[in-house]
Amino acid sequence: MSDEQGWSAPEASTSSGDATRDALGEVSTGATGDADPTTDAGWGPPPGPLVPPGPAYPPPGQVPPGYPSPGDAVQGCPPPSSAPSTSPSPSPPAAPAQPGQPGGPWPQAGWTPPPLAPKPGIIPLRPLNLGAIWSGVMTAVRGNPAATIGLALVTTAVVLVPLTLIGVWLSTTLSGATSLDPTFDPALDGSAGQSGSADAFFGGEVASLVPTLAVYVTGLLLPLFMAVVIGQGVQGRRIGLGETARAARGRILPAVGVLLIIGLAAFAVIALLVGVVVAAWVGAGDGSSGGAVLVTILASVVAAVVFVLFSVRWGFAITIVVLEGVRPVHALRRSWQLTRRRGFWRIFGIRLLTGIVAAIAGSVITAPIGIVVGVLASGSVTSAAWMLVLLQAGTVLVQSVLTTPFSSGVDSLLYVDQRIRYEGLDVALLQQARQGQDAPVT
């Protein structure tokens, strides 16, 4: 304690020998021999007798002089037979003091949980972790099934059904020359059988690429729809199918512009790296190719690094186009600035883990479809060809209806999380929630 708190610093104390002597009136002389006061000055017994002089104690049974005999009255004190004392009886003990009162025990120490963050919508208004992001996406899907699963199903069906029919027709056409031969048997080991099987398989593979074109359309539209749903769900508002489509309709062209810019940038980087690799192999000639192999490996590493960098730094551009209503170039610049601060590896890790989980879930769902298609396609070459098309169409359907909305919702909530962490978006959303406003997340 300091002097300001009422505790003065102690003065210089005497030696320990003097303190012991003052308190006990004697000093131990040690285990062996007596202490010499001339040599052990300060630690030996004090000069003179330890007991003050006075009359000796009387023998047992004799009253010392000056003390009254038993039964004698003492001046100023009543005899034992006199009236009882009128001193008040002892009062009952007081009730113990309660905790927190003066003189009472200390209150029991315990852990008090921190107050929960306000949650007007699908997420709490605080920095989000992986669990909160995934939970927020699932909450948005459950709360808006028509605007998420329903709209994804309608969009995919509109695009996928015509492409699937074209693929089936193309597979039948490419494998028609083989299927018209009545003597053809895919199980034969002859060259004709091998050639026919190869032609049928090639026709089915080429035709199965047609339904894959639907991925480019759904990959453009579904992130727009999920950005609208997430933007409204963060504020605690549900939205319908038609309202979501109308809100995203005006942002299709800016989103296309964003994808075109990203595609051109990726093409330029790939073309540059491929040119470097080709030049290295051409320069190697007939000599040692070790340098060309090293250049190829380095180019692959550079391509992977550039892909990771730009996929994170430009990953919020589509969401920004929808929620902030800006042009493509501004959206790319804004996404770059928003991810310039801390959180790069956190965003990359959450996206990577989300992609892995979505891929595993999609594989689990499409595996039974592949088994059924394999059983049905075991009859003829033509059926095997168009069954490949149907298998690819089923894969695209599962990816577009289930995995793409989930991944797009995670991207939108990562954008909201970045703004909560570094721009105080949670404060603005909380003020809107308290005032009953329904403004967009901009």
Protein backbone atom coordinates (compact mmCIF):
# COMPACT_ATOMS: atom_id res chain seq x y z
CA MET A 1 0.00 0.00 0.00
CA SER A 2 1.16 3.51 -0.61
CA ASP A 3 1.03 6.42 1.70
CA GLU A 4 -1.82 7.97 -0.27
CA GLN A 5 -4.06 5.03 0.64
CA GLY A 6 -3.64 5.66 4.34
CA TRP A 7 -0.84 3.18 5.00
CA SER A 8 2.28 4.98 6.18
CA ALA A 9 5.60 3.38 5.52
CA PRO A 10 7.05 1.69 8.66
CA GLU A 11 9.92 3.44 10.43
CA ALA A 12 13.31 1.86 11.03
CA SER A 13 12.79 -1.00 13.48
CA THR A 14 15.14 -2.22 16.11
CA SER A 15 17.23 -5.26 15.67
CA SER A 16 15.59 -8.63 15.83
CA GLY A 17 17.39 -9.41 19.06
CA ASP A 18 15.94 -6.33 20.81
CA ALA A 19 12.46 -7.07 19.47
CA THR A 20 12.65 -10.58 20.86
CA ARG A 21 13.89 -9.37 24.17
CA ASP A 22 11.16 -6.71 24.53
CA ALA A 23 8.41 -9.11 23.68
CA LEU A 24 9.43 -12.15 25.68
CA GLY A 25 11.66 -10.69 28.38
CA GLU A 26 14.33 -13.28 27.66
CA VAL A 27 16.59 -14.36 24.89
CA SER A 28 17.54 -17.83 23.85
CA THR A 29 21.23 -18.47 24.20
CA GLY A 30 21.51 -21.11 21.52
CA ALA A 31 21.83 -24.82 21.51
CA THR A 32 25.18 -24.99 23.33
CA GLY A 33 26.65 -22.79 26.06
CA ASP A 34 25.64 -19.37 27.33
CA ALA A 35 26.00 -16.24 25.34
CA ASP A 36 28.71 -13.84 26.34
CA PRO A 37 27.22 -10.33 26.62
CA THR A 38 30.59 -8.84 25.95
CA THR A 39 30.98 -10.57 22.62
CA ASP A 40 27.32 -10.97 21.59
CA ALA A 41 26.30 -7.42 22.29
CA GLY A 42 22.73 -6.76 21.35
CA TRP A 43 21.70 -10.44 21.35
CA GLY A 44 22.47 -11.45 25.02
CA PRO A 45 20.23 -11.06 28.12
CA PRO A 46 19.83 -7.54 29.50
CA PRO A 47 21.84 -6.58 32.55
CA GLY A 48 20.07 -7.06 35.86
CA PRO A 49 17.40 -9.47 37.07
CA LEU A 50 14.66 -10.53 34.63
CA VAL A 51 11.98 -10.67 37.42
CA PRO A 52 11.21 -7.42 39.27
CA PRO A 53 12.03 -7.54 43.01
CA GLY A 54 9.15 -8.19 45.39
CA PRO A 55 7.84 -10.54 48.08
CA ALA A 56 8.03 -14.20 47.32
CA TYR A 57 4.87 -16.25 46.72
CA PRO A 58 3.42 -17.81 49.96
CA PRO A 59 3.35 -21.56 50.45
CA PRO A 60 0.27 -23.45 49.25
CA GLY A 61 -2.85 -22.91 51.37
CA GLN A 62 -1.79 -19.55 52.81
CA VAL A 63 -3.42 -16.33 51.58
CA PRO A 64 -0.95 -13.77 50.43
CA PRO A 65 -0.93 -10.53 52.39
CA GLY A 66 -3.21 -7.89 50.99
CA TYR A 67 -5.76 -10.37 49.56
CA PRO A 68 -9.11 -10.89 51.38
CA SER A 69 -10.11 -14.27 52.72
CA PRO A 70 -12.87 -16.23 51.03
CA GLY A 71 -16.33 -14.93 52.05
CA ASP A 72 -15.09 -11.54 53.23
CA ALA A 73 -16.75 -8.47 51.78
CA VAL A 74 -14.65 -6.30 49.62
CA GLN A 75 -15.03 -2.58 49.84
CA GLY A 76 -17.07 -1.32 46.92
CA CYS A 77 -18.35 -4.84 45.98
CA PRO A 78 -21.55 -6.47 47.36
CA PRO A 79 -21.28 -9.73 49.23
CA PRO A 80 -22.15 -12.93 47.43
CA SER A 81 -25.57 -13.18 49.25
CA SER A 82 -26.73 -9.76 48.18
CA ALA A 83 -29.42 -9.11 45.52
CA PRO A 84 -28.68 -10.36 42.06
CA SER A 85 -27.11 -8.09 39.65
CA THR A 86 -29.35 -5.87 37.64
CA SER A 87 -27.04 -5.84 34.64
CA PRO A 88 -28.93 -6.25 31.41
CA SER A 89 -29.12 -9.76 29.97
CA PRO A 90 -27.09 -10.38 26.87
CA SER A 91 -28.97 -9.50 23.71
CA PRO A 92 -29.54 -12.22 21.10
CA PRO A 93 -26.94 -12.38 18.40
CA ALA A 94 -27.60 -10.12 15.46
CA ALA A 95 -28.47 -11.58 12.12
CA PRO A 96 -25.46 -12.12 9.93
CA ALA A 97 -24.79 -9.41 7.39
CA GLN A 98 -25.79 -10.11 3.85
CA PRO A 99 -23.26 -10.28 1.04
CA GLY A 100 -22.29 -6.83 -0.14
CA GLN A 101 -23.20 -5.14 3.22
CA PRO A 102 -20.54 -3.74 5.57
CA GLY A 103 -19.12 -6.58 7.60
CA GLY A 104 -20.74 -9.22 5.42
CA PRO A 105 -19.00 -11.87 3.40
CA TRP A 106 -17.71 -11.16 -0.07
CA PRO A 107 -20.14 -12.05 -2.86
CA GLN A 108 -19.43 -15.31 -4.62
CA ALA A 109 -17.25 -14.77 -7.66
CA GLY A 110 -18.72 -16.14 -10.92
CA TRP A 111 -18.46 -15.81 -14.72
CA THR A 112 -21.04 -13.57 -16.28
CA PRO A 113 -21.61 -14.30 -19.97
CA PRO A 114 -21.12 -11.33 -22.28
CA PRO A 115 -24.25 -9.81 -23.80
CA LEU A 116 -25.24 -11.29 -27.11
CA ALA A 117 -24.81 -9.21 -30.24
CA PRO A 118 -28.08 -7.88 -31.70
CA LYS A 119 -29.46 -10.05 -34.48
CA PRO A 120 -32.16 -8.30 -36.48
CA GLY A 121 -31.77 -10.69 -39.40
CA ILE A 122 -29.99 -13.86 -40.44
CA ILE A 123 -26.66 -12.99 -38.77
CA PRO A 124 -25.60 -11.33 -35.52
CA LEU A 125 -24.22 -7.84 -35.98
CA ARG A 126 -20.61 -8.65 -35.12
CA PRO A 127 -17.60 -10.07 -36.97
CA LEU A 128 -18.60 -13.46 -38.34
CA ASN A 129 -16.83 -16.79 -38.11
CA LEU A 130 -17.28 -19.80 -40.38
CA GLY A 131 -20.18 -21.22 -38.39
CA ALA A 132 -22.08 -17.93 -38.37
CA ILE A 133 -21.60 -17.53 -42.14
CA TRP A 134 -22.82 -21.03 -42.98
CA SER A 135 -25.67 -20.74 -40.53
CA GLY A 136 -26.67 -17.38 -42.01
CA VAL A 137 -26.80 -18.84 -45.53
CA MET A 138 -28.93 -21.77 -44.40
CA THR A 139 -31.23 -19.42 -42.51
CA ALA A 140 -31.64 -17.28 -45.63
CA VAL A 141 -32.48 -20.36 -47.71
CA ARG A 142 -35.02 -21.66 -45.16
CA GLY A 143 -36.61 -18.25 -44.77
CA ASN A 144 -36.79 -17.56 -48.51
CA PRO A 145 -37.23 -20.93 -50.26
CA ALA A 146 -38.97 -19.46 -53.29
CA ALA A 147 -36.32 -16.78 -53.84
CA THR A 148 -33.43 -19.25 -53.43
CA ILE A 149 -34.20 -22.87 -54.30
CA GLY A 150 -37.33 -22.05 -56.32
CA LEU A 151 -35.75 -19.31 -58.40
CA ALA A 152 -32.62 -21.43 -58.97
CA LEU A 153 -34.76 -24.35 -60.09
CA VAL A 154 -36.78 -22.21 -62.50
CA THR A 155 -33.69 -20.54 -63.94
CA THR A 156 -31.86 -23.83 -64.38
CA ALA A 157 -34.87 -25.52 -65.96
CA VAL A 158 -35.37 -22.71 -68.47
CA VAL A 159 -31.77 -22.96 -69.61
CA LEU A 160 -31.03 -26.65 -69.06
CA VAL A 161 -34.03 -28.33 -70.67
CA PRO A 162 -33.41 -26.96 -74.20
CA LEU A 163 -29.69 -27.66 -73.95
CA THR A 164 -30.34 -31.22 -72.76
CA LEU A 165 -32.68 -31.88 -75.69
CA ILE A 166 -30.04 -30.56 -78.09
CA GLY A 167 -27.45 -32.80 -76.46
CA VAL A 168 -29.65 -35.89 -76.74
CA TRP A 169 -30.29 -35.18 -80.41
CA LEU A 170 -26.61 -34.60 -81.06
CA SER A 171 -25.57 -37.81 -79.28
CA THR A 172 -28.10 -39.80 -81.27
CA THR A 173 -26.91 -38.25 -84.51
CA LEU A 174 -23.22 -38.85 -83.85
CA SER A 175 -23.75 -42.45 -82.86
CA GLY A 176 -26.38 -43.12 -85.54
CA ALA A 177 -23.98 -44.62 -88.08
CA THR A 178 -22.93 -47.25 -85.55
CA SER A 179 -26.39 -48.00 -84.20
CA LEU A 180 -27.82 -48.57 -87.72
CA ASP A 181 -25.50 -51.53 -88.26
CA PRO A 182 -27.49 -54.62 -87.10
CA THR A 183 -24.33 -56.72 -86.81
CA PHE A 184 -22.62 -54.30 -84.38
CA ASP A 185 -22.02 -55.63 -80.89
CA PRO A 186 -20.07 -53.49 -78.37
CA ALA A 187 -18.81 -56.63 -76.62
CA LEU A 188 -16.90 -57.81 -79.70
CA ASP A 189 -13.14 -57.59 -79.58
CA GLY A 190 -12.72 -57.02 -83.30
CA SER A 191 -11.49 -53.81 -84.83
CA ALA A 192 -14.98 -52.96 -86.07
CA GLY A 193 -16.41 -53.31 -82.60
CA GLN A 194 -13.65 -51.23 -81.08
CA SER A 195 -14.04 -48.54 -83.73
CA GLY A 196 -17.81 -48.43 -83.29
CA SER A 197 -17.56 -48.25 -79.52
CA ALA A 198 -15.02 -45.46 -79.76
CA ASP A 199 -17.22 -43.48 -82.16
CA ALA A 200 -20.27 -43.92 -79.92
CA PHE A 201 -18.32 -42.95 -76.82
CA PHE A 202 -16.86 -39.90 -78.57
CA GLY A 203 -20.31 -38.84 -79.75
CA GLY A 204 -21.71 -39.15 -76.23
CA GLU A 205 -18.84 -37.20 -74.71
CA VAL A 206 -19.19 -34.36 -77.21
CA ALA A 207 -22.94 -34.21 -76.77
CA SER A 208 -22.63 -34.21 -72.97
CA LEU A 209 -20.79 -30.91 -73.18
CA VAL A 210 -23.93 -29.16 -74.39
CA PRO A 211 -25.78 -29.22 -71.03
CA THR A 212 -22.62 -27.90 -69.40
CA LEU A 213 -23.24 -24.58 -71.14
CA ALA A 214 -26.07 -24.00 -68.67
CA VAL A 215 -23.47 -23.59 -65.92
CA TYR A 216 -22.31 -20.31 -67.42
CA VAL A 217 -25.84 -18.89 -67.38
CA THR A 218 -26.74 -20.09 -63.89
CA GLY A 219 -23.29 -19.09 -62.62
CA LEU A 220 -24.07 -15.53 -63.70
CA LEU A 221 -27.68 -15.22 -62.51
CA LEU A 222 -27.74 -17.20 -59.27
CA PRO A 223 -25.07 -15.08 -57.50
CA LEU A 224 -27.15 -12.00 -58.35
CA PHE A 225 -30.26 -13.57 -56.83
CA MET A 226 -28.43 -14.71 -53.68
CA ALA A 227 -26.87 -11.27 -53.21
CA VAL A 228 -30.35 -9.72 -53.21
CA VAL A 229 -31.67 -12.34 -50.75
CA ILE A 230 -28.67 -11.98 -48.39
CA GLY A 231 -28.82 -8.17 -48.53
CA GLN A 232 -32.44 -8.22 -47.41
CA GLY A 233 -32.00 -11.11 -44.97
CA VAL A 234 -29.27 -9.29 -43.05
CA GLN A 235 -31.86 -6.61 -42.27
CA GLY A 236 -34.43 -9.20 -41.19
CA ARG A 237 -36.62 -8.92 -44.26
CA ARG A 238 -37.95 -11.77 -46.37
CA ILE A 239 -38.28 -11.46 -50.12
CA GLY A 240 -40.26 -13.32 -52.74
CA LEU A 241 -39.36 -14.86 -56.08
CA GLY A 242 -40.71 -12.07 -58.28
CA GLU A 243 -39.21 -9.29 -56.17
CA THR A 244 -35.81 -10.97 -56.22
CA ALA A 245 -35.89 -11.36 -60.00
CA ARG A 246 -36.90 -7.72 -60.50
CA ALA A 247 -34.18 -6.46 -58.16
CA ALA A 248 -31.48 -8.47 -59.93
CA ARG A 249 -32.71 -7.85 -63.48
CA GLY A 250 -31.20 -4.38 -63.71
CA ARG A 251 -27.77 -5.61 -62.59
CA ILE A 252 -27.29 -8.35 -65.19
CA LEU A 253 -25.38 -6.21 -67.69
CA PRO A 254 -22.94 -4.79 -65.07
CA ALA A 255 -22.36 -8.34 -63.84
CA VAL A 256 -21.64 -9.46 -67.41
CA GLY A 257 -19.17 -6.59 -67.68
CA VAL A 258 -17.41 -7.75 -64.52
CA LEU A 259 -17.11 -11.30 -65.85
CA LEU A 260 -15.81 -10.04 -69.20
CA ILE A 261 -13.10 -7.96 -67.54
CA ILE A 262 -12.07 -10.88 -65.32
CA GLY A 263 -12.07 -13.20 -68.33
CA LEU A 264 -9.92 -10.85 -70.39
CA ALA A 265 -7.45 -10.44 -67.53
CA ALA A 266 -7.24 -14.21 -67.06
CA PHE A 267 -6.76 -14.73 -70.79
CA ALA A 268 -3.95 -12.17 -70.88
CA VAL A 269 -2.13 -13.80 -67.96
CA ILE A 270 -2.51 -17.30 -69.39
CA ALA A 271 -1.40 -16.18 -72.84
CA LEU A 272 1.69 -14.51 -71.37
CA LEU A 273 2.66 -17.57 -69.34
CA VAL A 274 2.03 -19.93 -72.23
CA GLY A 275 4.19 -17.74 -74.46
CA VAL A 276 7.01 -17.86 -71.94
CA VAL A 277 6.79 -21.65 -71.69
CA VAL A 278 6.70 -22.11 -75.48
CA ALA A 279 9.68 -19.79 -75.89
CA ALA A 280 11.60 -21.78 -73.26
CA TRP A 281 10.95 -25.08 -75.04
CA VAL A 282 11.77 -23.65 -78.45
CA GLY A 283 14.97 -22.14 -77.12
CA ALA A 284 15.98 -25.45 -75.58
CA GLY A 285 15.93 -27.12 -79.03
CA ASP A 286 17.53 -30.54 -79.13
CA GLY A 287 19.73 -29.80 -76.17
CA SER A 288 18.99 -30.26 -72.51
CA SER A 289 15.38 -29.57 -71.58
CA GLY A 290 16.04 -29.03 -67.88
CA GLY A 291 15.71 -25.26 -68.19
CA ALA A 292 12.44 -25.56 -70.09
CA VAL A 293 11.03 -27.90 -67.46
CA LEU A 294 12.01 -25.44 -64.73
CA VAL A 295 10.35 -22.58 -66.62
CA THR A 296 7.19 -24.67 -67.01
CA ILE A 297 7.04 -25.40 -63.28
CA LEU A 298 7.62 -21.76 -62.40
CA ALA A 299 4.92 -20.66 -64.85
CA SER A 300 2.47 -23.10 -63.27
CA VAL A 301 3.26 -21.75 -59.80
CA VAL A 302 2.84 -18.17 -60.99
CA ALA A 303 -0.49 -19.06 -62.60
CA ALA A 304 -1.74 -20.62 -59.36
CA VAL A 305 -0.62 -17.61 -57.29
CA VAL A 306 -2.27 -15.16 -59.69
CA PHE A 307 -5.47 -17.19 -59.68
CA VAL A 308 -5.65 -17.25 -55.86
CA LEU A 309 -4.81 -13.55 -55.63
CA PHE A 310 -7.40 -12.30 -58.09
CA SER A 311 -10.10 -14.78 -57.03
CA VAL A 312 -9.95 -13.26 -53.53
CA ARG A 313 -9.31 -9.63 -54.42
CA TRP A 314 -12.04 -9.50 -57.09
CA GLY A 315 -14.34 -12.05 -55.46
CA PHE A 316 -16.81 -9.47 -54.10
CA ALA A 317 -17.35 -7.68 -57.42
CA ILE A 318 -20.67 -9.39 -58.28
CA THR A 319 -22.06 -8.77 -54.79
CA ILE A 320 -20.95 -5.13 -54.93
CA VAL A 321 -22.62 -4.68 -58.32
CA VAL A 322 -25.93 -5.80 -56.81
CA LEU A 323 -25.86 -4.27 -53.34
CA GLU A 324 -24.01 -1.03 -54.06
CA GLY A 325 -25.28 -0.51 -57.61
CA VAL A 326 -21.97 0.55 -59.16
CA ARG A 327 -20.38 0.02 -62.57
CA PRO A 328 -18.12 -2.96 -63.38
CA VAL A 329 -14.78 -1.14 -63.10
CA HIS A 330 -15.82 0.55 -59.87
CA ALA A 331 -17.02 -2.79 -58.48
CA LEU A 332 -13.65 -4.42 -59.20
CA ARG A 333 -11.79 -1.49 -57.65
CA ARG A 334 -14.07 -1.53 -54.61
CA SER A 335 -13.59 -5.27 -54.12
CA TRP A 336 -9.83 -4.84 -54.34
CA GLN A 337 -9.88 -2.09 -51.71
CA LEU A 338 -12.19 -4.04 -49.40
CA THR A 339 -9.84 -7.05 -49.37
CA ARG A 340 -6.66 -4.98 -49.17
CA ARG A 341 -6.63 -5.10 -45.38
CA ARG A 342 -6.35 -8.10 -43.11
CA GLY A 343 -8.44 -11.17 -43.83
CA PHE A 344 -7.02 -12.36 -47.15
CA TRP A 345 -6.22 -15.88 -45.98
CA ARG A 346 -9.40 -16.08 -43.92
CA ILE A 347 -11.49 -15.32 -47.01
CA PHE A 348 -9.48 -17.76 -49.12
CA GLY A 349 -9.76 -20.51 -46.49
CA ILE A 350 -13.51 -20.12 -46.02
CA ARG A 351 -14.08 -20.16 -49.78
CA LEU A 352 -11.85 -23.19 -50.26
CA LEU A 353 -13.55 -25.12 -47.45
CA THR A 354 -16.99 -24.14 -48.76
CA GLY A 355 -16.06 -25.35 -52.24
CA ILE A 356 -14.82 -28.68 -50.89
CA VAL A 357 -17.98 -29.23 -48.84
CA ALA A 358 -20.20 -28.26 -51.78
CA ALA A 359 -18.31 -30.61 -54.12
CA ILE A 360 -18.62 -33.52 -51.69
CA ALA A 361 -22.33 -32.88 -51.19
CA GLY A 362 -22.89 -32.66 -54.94
CA SER A 363 -21.00 -35.92 -55.51
CA VAL A 364 -23.05 -37.71 -52.88
CA ILE A 365 -26.27 -36.57 -54.54
CA THR A 366 -25.21 -37.29 -58.14
CA ALA A 367 -23.68 -40.72 -57.41
CA PRO A 368 -27.08 -42.52 -57.37
CA ILE A 369 -27.98 -40.73 -60.60
CA GLY A 370 -24.83 -42.09 -62.23
CA ILE A 371 -25.60 -45.63 -61.06
CA VAL A 372 -29.14 -45.48 -62.48
CA VAL A 373 -27.90 -44.01 -65.77
CA GLY A 374 -25.24 -46.73 -66.05
CA VAL A 375 -27.82 -49.46 -65.60
CA LEU A 376 -30.20 -47.97 -68.14
CA ALA A 377 -27.44 -47.35 -70.69
CA SER A 378 -26.19 -50.94 -70.79
CA GLY A 379 -28.54 -51.94 -73.61
CA SER A 380 -27.25 -50.25 -76.76
CA VAL A 381 -24.72 -47.76 -78.00
CA THR A 382 -27.32 -45.08 -78.70
CA SER A 383 -28.83 -45.31 -75.23
CA ALA A 384 -25.35 -45.15 -73.71
CA ALA A 385 -24.64 -41.97 -75.65
CA TRP A 386 -27.69 -40.03 -74.63
CA MET A 387 -27.56 -41.38 -71.09
CA LEU A 388 -24.22 -39.62 -70.77
CA VAL A 389 -26.01 -36.43 -71.72
CA LEU A 390 -28.68 -37.02 -69.07
CA LEU A 391 -26.03 -37.73 -66.46
CA GLN A 392 -24.31 -34.45 -67.23
CA ALA A 393 -27.65 -32.63 -67.14
CA GLY A 394 -28.40 -34.10 -63.70
CA THR A 395 -25.02 -32.98 -62.43
CA VAL A 396 -25.61 -29.46 -63.71
CA LEU A 397 -29.05 -29.43 -62.10
CA VAL A 398 -27.72 -30.41 -58.67
CA GLN A 399 -24.87 -27.94 -58.92
CA SER A 400 -27.14 -25.07 -59.96
CA VAL A 401 -29.95 -25.67 -57.49
CA LEU A 402 -27.99 -26.66 -54.37
CA THR A 403 -24.26 -25.93 -54.44
CA THR A 404 -24.13 -22.67 -56.42
CA PRO A 405 -26.67 -20.81 -54.21
CA PHE A 406 -24.83 -21.96 -51.10
CA SER A 407 -21.42 -20.84 -52.40
CA SER A 408 -22.85 -17.54 -53.64
CA GLY A 409 -24.49 -16.90 -50.28
CA VAL A 410 -21.18 -17.49 -48.51
CA ASP A 411 -19.50 -14.94 -50.81
CA SER A 412 -22.20 -12.37 -50.04
CA LEU A 413 -21.88 -12.86 -46.29
CA LEU A 414 -18.09 -12.62 -46.52
CA TYR A 415 -18.60 -9.22 -48.14
CA VAL A 416 -20.91 -8.19 -45.28
CA ASP A 417 -18.38 -9.51 -42.76
CA GLN A 418 -15.56 -7.46 -44.28
CA ARG A 419 -17.65 -4.31 -44.06
CA ILE A 420 -18.60 -5.07 -40.47
CA ARG A 421 -14.96 -5.55 -39.51
CA TYR A 422 -13.46 -2.52 -41.24
CA GLU A 423 -16.27 -0.11 -42.11
CA GLY A 424 -18.68 -0.34 -39.17
CA LEU A 425 -21.58 -1.68 -41.20
CA ASP A 426 -23.02 -3.32 -38.08
CA VAL A 427 -23.57 0.11 -36.50
CA ALA A 428 -25.45 1.37 -39.55
CA LEU A 429 -27.58 -1.80 -39.71
CA LEU A 430 -28.37 -1.57 -36.01
CA GLN A 431 -29.48 2.04 -36.36
CA GLN A 432 -31.70 1.10 -39.29
CA ALA A 433 -33.19 -1.77 -37.30
CA ARG A 434 -33.95 0.49 -34.32
CA GLN A 435 -35.52 3.15 -36.53
CA GLY A 436 -37.57 0.60 -38.44
CA GLN A 437 -35.97 1.50 -41.76
CA ASP A 438 -35.60 -0.92 -44.62
CA ALA A 439 -32.70 0.52 -46.59
CA PRO A 440 -30.43 -1.59 -48.80
CA VAL A 441 -27.01 -2.67 -47.60
CA THR A 442 -24.94 0.04 -49.29
